Amino acid sequence: MTPAPLFPCYGLEHTGFTVKYLDAAIAAPHAKGADVAVGPSARDANTYLAFIRSPDGMMVELVENRRNPG
């Protein structure tokens, strides 16, 4: 295995998931030492997001849609 590429990189840079409650979704991985690399922050009135860095260095985007939380 080689070290994770610097961010941003060529190839698969990140993957994303929609979550119901962003703060709750990042709490458990953060408590276990995961790097919350970006956020959480509001992109606009309806979009709340954060990026967590996986153990192999890939960025995982978590997005909460505040306009339609269901």
PDB file of N, CA and C in Angstrom:
ATOM      1  N   MET A   1       0.843  -1.187   0.000  1.00  0.00           N
ATOM      2  CA  MET A   1       0.000   0.000   0.000  1.00  0.00           C
ATOM      3  C   MET A   1       0.882   1.242   0.000  1.00  0.00           C
ATOM      4  N   THR A   2       0.414   2.233  -0.705  1.00  0.00           N
ATOM      5  CA  THR A   2       1.113   3.511  -0.739  1.00  0.00           C
ATOM      6  C   THR A   2       0.325   4.524   0.081  1.00  0.00           C
ATOM      7  N   PRO A   3       0.956   5.626   0.466  1.00  0.00           N
ATOM      8  CA  PRO A   3       0.222   6.652   1.216  1.00  0.00           C
ATOM      9  C   PRO A   3      -0.931   7.210   0.390  1.00  0.00           C
ATOM     10  N   ALA A   4      -1.939   7.721   1.072  1.00  0.00           N
ATOM     11  CA  ALA A   4      -3.086   8.328   0.399  1.00  0.00           C
ATOM     12  C   ALA A   4      -2.628   9.536  -0.401  1.00  0.00           C
ATOM     13  N   PRO A   5      -3.236   9.768  -1.570  1.00  0.00           N
ATOM     14  CA  PRO A   5      -2.855  10.939  -2.369  1.00  0.00           C
ATOM     15  C   PRO A   5      -3.278  12.218  -1.664  1.00  0.00           C
ATOM     16  N   LEU A   6      -2.595  13.295  -2.015  1.00  0.00           N
ATOM     17  CA  LEU A   6      -2.974  14.592  -1.473  1.00  0.00           C
ATOM     18  C   LEU A   6      -4.335  14.990  -2.030  1.00  0.00           C
ATOM     19  N   PHE A   7      -5.047  15.791  -1.296  1.00  0.00           N
ATOM     20  CA  PHE A   7      -6.366  16.254  -1.718  1.00  0.00           C
ATOM     21  C   PHE A   7      -6.210  17.606  -2.385  1.00  0.00           C
ATOM     22  N   PRO A   8      -6.763  17.902  -3.527  1.00  0.00           N
ATOM     23  CA  PRO A   8      -7.514  17.011  -4.402  1.00  0.00           C
ATOM     24  C   PRO A   8      -6.584  16.109  -5.194  1.00  0.00           C
ATOM     25  N   CYS A   9      -7.137  15.044  -5.733  1.00  0.00           N
ATOM     26  CA  CYS A   9      -6.331  14.085  -6.481  1.00  0.00           C
ATOM     27  C   CYS A   9      -7.074  13.665  -7.740  1.00  0.00           C
ATOM     28  N   TYR A  10      -6.353  12.989  -8.646  1.00  0.00           N
ATOM     29  CA  TYR A  10      -6.984  12.418  -9.833  1.00  0.00           C
ATOM     30  C   TYR A  10      -7.607  11.082  -9.459  1.00  0.00           C
ATOM     31  N   GLY A  11      -8.651  10.691 -10.156  1.00  0.00           N
ATOM     32  CA  GLY A  11      -9.324   9.448  -9.842  1.00  0.00           C
ATOM     33  C   GLY A  11     -10.509   9.721  -8.934  1.00  0.00           C
ATOM     34  N   LEU A  12     -10.877   8.723  -8.163  1.00  0.00           N
ATOM     35  CA  LEU A  12     -12.011   8.870  -7.251  1.00  0.00           C
ATOM     36  C   LEU A  12     -11.591   9.764  -6.100  1.00  0.00           C
ATOM     37  N   GLU A  13     -12.132  10.962  -6.079  1.00  0.00           N
ATOM     38  CA  GLU A  13     -11.745  11.943  -5.075  1.00  0.00           C
ATOM     39  C   GLU A  13     -12.589  11.823  -3.819  1.00  0.00           C
ATOM     40  N   HIS A  14     -13.903  11.639  -4.000  1.00  0.00           N
ATOM     41  CA  HIS A  14     -14.762  11.490  -2.830  1.00  0.00           C
ATOM     42  C   HIS A  14     -16.047  10.783  -3.224  1.00  0.00           C
ATOM     43  N   THR A  15     -16.729  10.309  -2.227  1.00  0.00           N
ATOM     44  CA  THR A  15     -18.054   9.743  -2.401  1.00  0.00           C
ATOM     45  C   THR A  15     -18.967  10.480  -1.442  1.00  0.00           C
ATOM     46  N   GLY A  16     -20.247  10.491  -1.741  1.00  0.00           N
ATOM     47  CA  GLY A  16     -21.156  11.252  -0.904  1.00  0.00           C
ATOM     48  C   GLY A  16     -22.400  10.473  -0.526  1.00  0.00           C
ATOM     49  N   PHE A  17     -22.951  10.832   0.614  1.00  0.00           N
ATOM     50  CA  PHE A  17     -24.158  10.208   1.126  1.00  0.00           C
ATOM     51  C   PHE A  17     -25.084  11.284   1.672  1.00  0.00           C
ATOM     52  N   THR A  18     -26.374  11.112   1.450  1.00  0.00           N
ATOM     53  CA  THR A  18     -27.372  11.968   2.074  1.00  0.00           C
ATOM     54  C   THR A  18     -27.731  11.344   3.412  1.00  0.00           C
ATOM     55  N   VAL A  19     -27.736  12.156   4.450  1.00  0.00           N
ATOM     56  CA  VAL A  19     -28.066  11.672   5.794  1.00  0.00           C
ATOM     57  C   VAL A  19     -29.224  12.490   6.338  1.00  0.00           C
ATOM     58  N   LYS A  20     -29.950  11.911   7.263  1.00  0.00           N
ATOM     59  CA  LYS A  20     -31.103  12.611   7.837  1.00  0.00           C
ATOM     60  C   LYS A  20     -30.656  13.705   8.810  1.00  0.00           C
ATOM     61  N   TYR A  21     -29.681  13.393   9.676  1.00  0.00           N
ATOM     62  CA  TYR A  21     -29.178  14.348  10.671  1.00  0.00           C
ATOM     63  C   TYR A  21     -27.652  14.349  10.619  1.00  0.00           C
ATOM     64  N   LEU A  22     -27.083  15.374  10.013  1.00  0.00           N
ATOM     65  CA  LEU A  22     -25.637  15.446   9.808  1.00  0.00           C
ATOM     66  C   LEU A  22     -24.858  15.416  11.120  1.00  0.00           C
ATOM     67  N   ASP A  23     -25.260  16.211  12.089  1.00  0.00           N
ATOM     68  CA  ASP A  23     -24.507  16.260  13.346  1.00  0.00           C
ATOM     69  C   ASP A  23     -24.423  14.882  13.995  1.00  0.00           C
ATOM     70  N   ALA A  24     -25.509  14.136  13.969  1.00  0.00           N
ATOM     71  CA  ALA A  24     -25.508  12.775  14.529  1.00  0.00           C
ATOM     72  C   ALA A  24     -24.665  11.839  13.670  1.00  0.00           C
ATOM     73  N   ALA A  25     -24.703  12.031  12.348  1.00  0.00           N
ATOM     74  CA  ALA A  25     -23.958  11.147  11.444  1.00  0.00           C
ATOM     75  C   ALA A  25     -22.450  11.286  11.602  1.00  0.00           C
ATOM     76  N   ILE A  26     -21.964  12.471  11.962  1.00  0.00           N
ATOM     77  CA  ILE A  26     -20.521  12.631  12.119  1.00  0.00           C
ATOM     78  C   ILE A  26     -20.050  12.404  13.557  1.00  0.00           C
ATOM     79  N   ALA A  27     -20.956  12.357  14.515  1.00  0.00           N
ATOM     80  CA  ALA A  27     -20.571  12.241  15.923  1.00  0.00           C
ATOM     81  C   ALA A  27     -19.829  10.939  16.223  1.00  0.00           C
ATOM     82  N   ALA A  28     -20.356   9.807  15.791  1.00  0.00           N
ATOM     83  CA  ALA A  28     -19.730   8.513  16.112  1.00  0.00           C
ATOM     84  C   ALA A  28     -18.355   8.357  15.466  1.00  0.00           C
ATOM     85  N   PRO A  29     -18.199   8.605  14.158  1.00  0.00           N
ATOM     86  CA  PRO A  29     -16.858   8.473  13.585  1.00  0.00           C
ATOM     87  C   PRO A  29     -15.868   9.469  14.193  1.00  0.00           C
ATOM     88  N   HIS A  30     -16.340  10.684  14.490  1.00  0.00           N
ATOM     89  CA  HIS A  30     -15.457  11.679  15.098  1.00  0.00           C
ATOM     90  C   HIS A  30     -15.003  11.235  16.492  1.00  0.00           C
ATOM     91  N   ALA A  31     -15.910  10.663  17.255  1.00  0.00           N
ATOM     92  CA  ALA A  31     -15.567  10.167  18.591  1.00  0.00           C
ATOM     93  C   ALA A  31     -14.534   9.040  18.529  1.00  0.00           C
ATOM     94  N   LYS A  32     -14.501   8.312  17.415  1.00  0.00           N
ATOM     95  CA  LYS A  32     -13.543   7.219  17.239  1.00  0.00           C
ATOM     96  C   LYS A  32     -12.251   7.675  16.565  1.00  0.00           C
ATOM     97  N   GLY A  33     -12.108   8.992  16.392  1.00  0.00           N
ATOM     98  CA  GLY A  33     -10.865   9.532  15.873  1.00  0.00           C
ATOM     99  C   GLY A  33     -10.850   9.885  14.403  1.00  0.00           C
ATOM    100  N   ALA A  34     -11.995   9.783  13.724  1.00  0.00           N
ATOM    101  CA  ALA A  34     -12.038  10.146  12.309  1.00  0.00           C
ATOM    102  C   ALA A  34     -11.776  11.638  12.149  1.00  0.00           C
ATOM    103  N   ASP A  35     -11.127  11.974  11.055  1.00  0.00           N
ATOM    104  CA  ASP A  35     -10.814  13.359  10.747  1.00  0.00           C
ATOM    105  C   ASP A  35     -12.002  14.010  10.058  1.00  0.00           C
ATOM    106  N   VAL A  36     -12.671  14.933  10.741  1.00  0.00           N
ATOM    107  CA  VAL A  36     -13.712  15.738  10.100  1.00  0.00           C
ATOM    108  C   VAL A  36     -12.948  16.858   9.407  1.00  0.00           C
ATOM    109  N   ALA A  37     -12.708  16.667   8.103  1.00  0.00           N
ATOM    110  CA  ALA A  37     -11.806  17.528   7.354  1.00  0.00           C
ATOM    111  C   ALA A  37     -12.418  18.865   6.962  1.00  0.00           C
ATOM    112  N   VAL A  38     -13.722  18.886   6.702  1.00  0.00           N
ATOM    113  CA  VAL A  38     -14.399  20.115   6.282  1.00  0.00           C
ATOM    114  C   VAL A  38     -15.764  20.157   6.952  1.00  0.00           C
ATOM    115  N   GLY A  39     -16.083  21.288   7.566  1.00  0.00           N
ATOM    116  CA  GLY A  39     -17.408  21.479   8.135  1.00  0.00           C
ATOM    117  C   GLY A  39     -17.540  20.931   9.533  1.00  0.00           C
ATOM    118  N   PRO A  40     -18.764  20.745   9.958  1.00  0.00           N
ATOM    119  CA  PRO A  40     -19.986  20.939   9.194  1.00  0.00           C
ATOM    120  C   PRO A  40     -20.264  22.414   8.921  1.00  0.00           C
ATOM    121  N   SER A  41     -20.858  22.660   7.745  1.00  0.00           N
ATOM    122  CA  SER A  41     -21.182  24.027   7.365  1.00  0.00           C
ATOM    123  C   SER A  41     -22.383  24.049   6.445  1.00  0.00           C
ATOM    124  N   ALA A  42     -23.029  25.198   6.366  1.00  0.00           N
ATOM    125  CA  ALA A  42     -24.182  25.379   5.498  1.00  0.00           C
ATOM    126  C   ALA A  42     -23.703  25.903   4.154  1.00  0.00           C
ATOM    127  N   ARG A  43     -24.012  25.175   3.093  1.00  0.00           N
ATOM    128  CA  ARG A  43     -23.703  25.656   1.736  1.00  0.00           C
ATOM    129  C   ARG A  43     -24.711  26.725   1.342  1.00  0.00           C
ATOM    130  N   ASP A  44     -25.957  26.500   1.727  1.00  0.00           N
ATOM    131  CA  ASP A  44     -27.035  27.456   1.516  1.00  0.00           C
ATOM    132  C   ASP A  44     -28.100  27.162   2.567  1.00  0.00           C
ATOM    133  N   ALA A  45     -29.248  27.781   2.472  1.00  0.00           N
ATOM    134  CA  ALA A  45     -30.279  27.613   3.507  1.00  0.00           C
ATOM    135  C   ALA A  45     -30.775  26.176   3.636  1.00  0.00           C
ATOM    136  N   ASN A  46     -30.637  25.377   2.578  1.00  0.00           N
ATOM    137  CA  ASN A  46     -31.178  24.014   2.586  1.00  0.00           C
ATOM    138  C   ASN A  46     -30.132  22.918   2.677  1.00  0.00           C
ATOM    139  N   THR A  47     -28.867  23.243   2.528  1.00  0.00           N
ATOM    140  CA  THR A  47     -27.826  22.222   2.421  1.00  0.00           C
ATOM    141  C   THR A  47     -26.783  22.382   3.522  1.00  0.00           C
ATOM    142  N   TYR A  48     -26.676  21.375   4.369  1.00  0.00           N
ATOM    143  CA  TYR A  48     -25.746  21.342   5.506  1.00  0.00           C
ATOM    144  C   TYR A  48     -24.831  20.159   5.234  1.00  0.00           C
ATOM    145  N   LEU A  49     -23.511  20.370   5.219  1.00  0.00           N
ATOM    146  CA  LEU A  49     -22.624  19.286   4.811  1.00  0.00           C
ATOM    147  C   LEU A  49     -21.323  19.255   5.588  1.00  0.00           C
ATOM    148  N   ALA A  50     -20.661  18.110   5.490  1.00  0.00           N
ATOM    149  CA  ALA A  50     -19.341  17.916   6.090  1.00  0.00           C
ATOM    150  C   ALA A  50     -18.606  16.867   5.270  1.00  0.00           C
ATOM    151  N   PHE A  51     -17.281  16.883   5.359  1.00  0.00           N
ATOM    152  CA  PHE A  51     -16.441  15.866   4.744  1.00  0.00           C
ATOM    153  C   PHE A  51     -15.639  15.180   5.838  1.00  0.00           C
ATOM    154  N   ILE A  52     -15.666  13.865   5.841  1.00  0.00           N
ATOM    155  CA  ILE A  52     -14.857  13.059   6.751  1.00  0.00           C
ATOM    156  C   ILE A  52     -13.817  12.336   5.913  1.00  0.00           C
ATOM    157  N   ARG A  53     -12.586  12.277   6.392  1.00  0.00           N
ATOM    158  CA  ARG A  53     -11.528  11.565   5.677  1.00  0.00           C
ATOM    159  C   ARG A  53     -11.520  10.118   6.149  1.00  0.00           C
ATOM    160  N   SER A  54     -11.630   9.176   5.200  1.00  0.00           N
ATOM    161  CA  SER A  54     -11.622   7.756   5.539  1.00  0.00           C
ATOM    162  C   SER A  54     -10.213   7.324   5.952  1.00  0.00           C
ATOM    163  N   PRO A  55     -10.073   6.139   6.556  1.00  0.00           N
ATOM    164  CA  PRO A  55      -8.741   5.682   6.963  1.00  0.00           C
ATOM    165  C   PRO A  55      -7.740   5.605   5.810  1.00  0.00           C
ATOM    166  N   ASP A  56      -8.220   5.375   4.582  1.00  0.00           N
ATOM    167  CA  ASP A  56      -7.296   5.312   3.439  1.00  0.00           C
ATOM    168  C   ASP A  56      -7.150   6.658   2.739  1.00  0.00           C
ATOM    169  N   GLY A  57      -7.723   7.706   3.305  1.00  0.00           N
ATOM    170  CA  GLY A  57      -7.518   9.054   2.788  1.00  0.00           C
ATOM    171  C   GLY A  57      -8.593   9.581   1.855  1.00  0.00           C
ATOM    172  N   MET A  58      -9.572   8.766   1.487  1.00  0.00           N
ATOM    173  CA  MET A  58     -10.631   9.252   0.610  1.00  0.00           C
ATOM    174  C   MET A  58     -11.595  10.125   1.408  1.00  0.00           C
ATOM    175  N   MET A  59     -12.093  11.160   0.767  1.00  0.00           N
ATOM    176  CA  MET A  59     -13.044  12.046   1.417  1.00  0.00           C
ATOM    177  C   MET A  59     -14.456  11.475   1.267  1.00  0.00           C
ATOM    178  N   VAL A  60     -15.204  11.475   2.371  1.00  0.00           N
ATOM    179  CA  VAL A  60     -16.591  11.014   2.378  1.00  0.00           C
ATOM    180  C   VAL A  60     -17.455  12.230   2.710  1.00  0.00           C
ATOM    181  N   GLU A  61     -18.312  12.614   1.765  1.00  0.00           N
ATOM    182  CA  GLU A  61     -19.180  13.774   1.942  1.00  0.00           C
ATOM    183  C   GLU A  61     -20.510  13.326   2.525  1.00  0.00           C
ATOM    184  N   LEU A  62     -20.954  14.002   3.565  1.00  0.00           N
ATOM    185  CA  LEU A  62     -22.252  13.743   4.183  1.00  0.00           C
ATOM    186  C   LEU A  62     -23.091  15.009   4.043  1.00  0.00           C
ATOM    187  N   VAL A  63     -24.297  14.874   3.500  1.00  0.00           N
ATOM    188  CA  VAL A  63     -25.139  16.023   3.217  1.00  0.00           C
ATOM    189  C   VAL A  63     -26.516  15.851   3.849  1.00  0.00           C
ATOM    190  N   GLU A  64     -26.950  16.862   4.552  1.00  0.00           N
ATOM    191  CA  GLU A  64     -28.307  16.909   5.114  1.00  0.00           C
ATOM    192  C   GLU A  64     -29.112  17.922   4.313  1.00  0.00           C
ATOM    193  N   ASN A  65     -30.230  17.484   3.753  1.00  0.00           N
ATOM    194  CA  ASN A  65     -31.140  18.368   3.032  1.00  0.00           C
ATOM    195  C   ASN A  65     -32.139  18.922   4.039  1.00  0.00           C
ATOM    196  N   ARG A  66     -31.976  20.157   4.415  1.00  0.00           N
ATOM    197  CA  ARG A  66     -32.843  20.742   5.447  1.00  0.00           C
ATOM    198  C   ARG A  66     -34.196  21.166   4.915  1.00  0.00           C
ATOM    199  N   ARG A  67     -34.354  21.256   3.627  1.00  0.00           N
ATOM    200  CA  ARG A  67     -35.642  21.635   3.055  1.00  0.00           C
ATOM    201  C   ARG A  67     -36.609  20.466   3.086  1.00  0.00           C
ATOM    202  N   ASN A  68     -36.087  19.264   2.854  1.00  0.00           N
ATOM    203  CA  ASN A  68     -36.927  18.071   2.803  1.00  0.00           C
ATOM    204  C   ASN A  68     -36.272  16.972   3.645  1.00  0.00           C
ATOM    205  N   PRO A  69     -36.347  17.076   4.973  1.00  0.00           N
ATOM    206  CA  PRO A  69     -35.607  16.149   5.833  1.00  0.00           C
ATOM    207  C   PRO A  69     -36.112  14.715   5.795  1.00  0.00           C
ATOM    208  N   GLY A  70     -37.280  14.452   5.247  1.00  0.00           N
ATOM    209  CA  GLY A  70     -37.832  13.105   5.241  1.00  0.00           C
ATOM    210  C   GLY A  70     -37.143  12.248   4.260  1.00  0.00           C
TER     211      GLY A  70
END
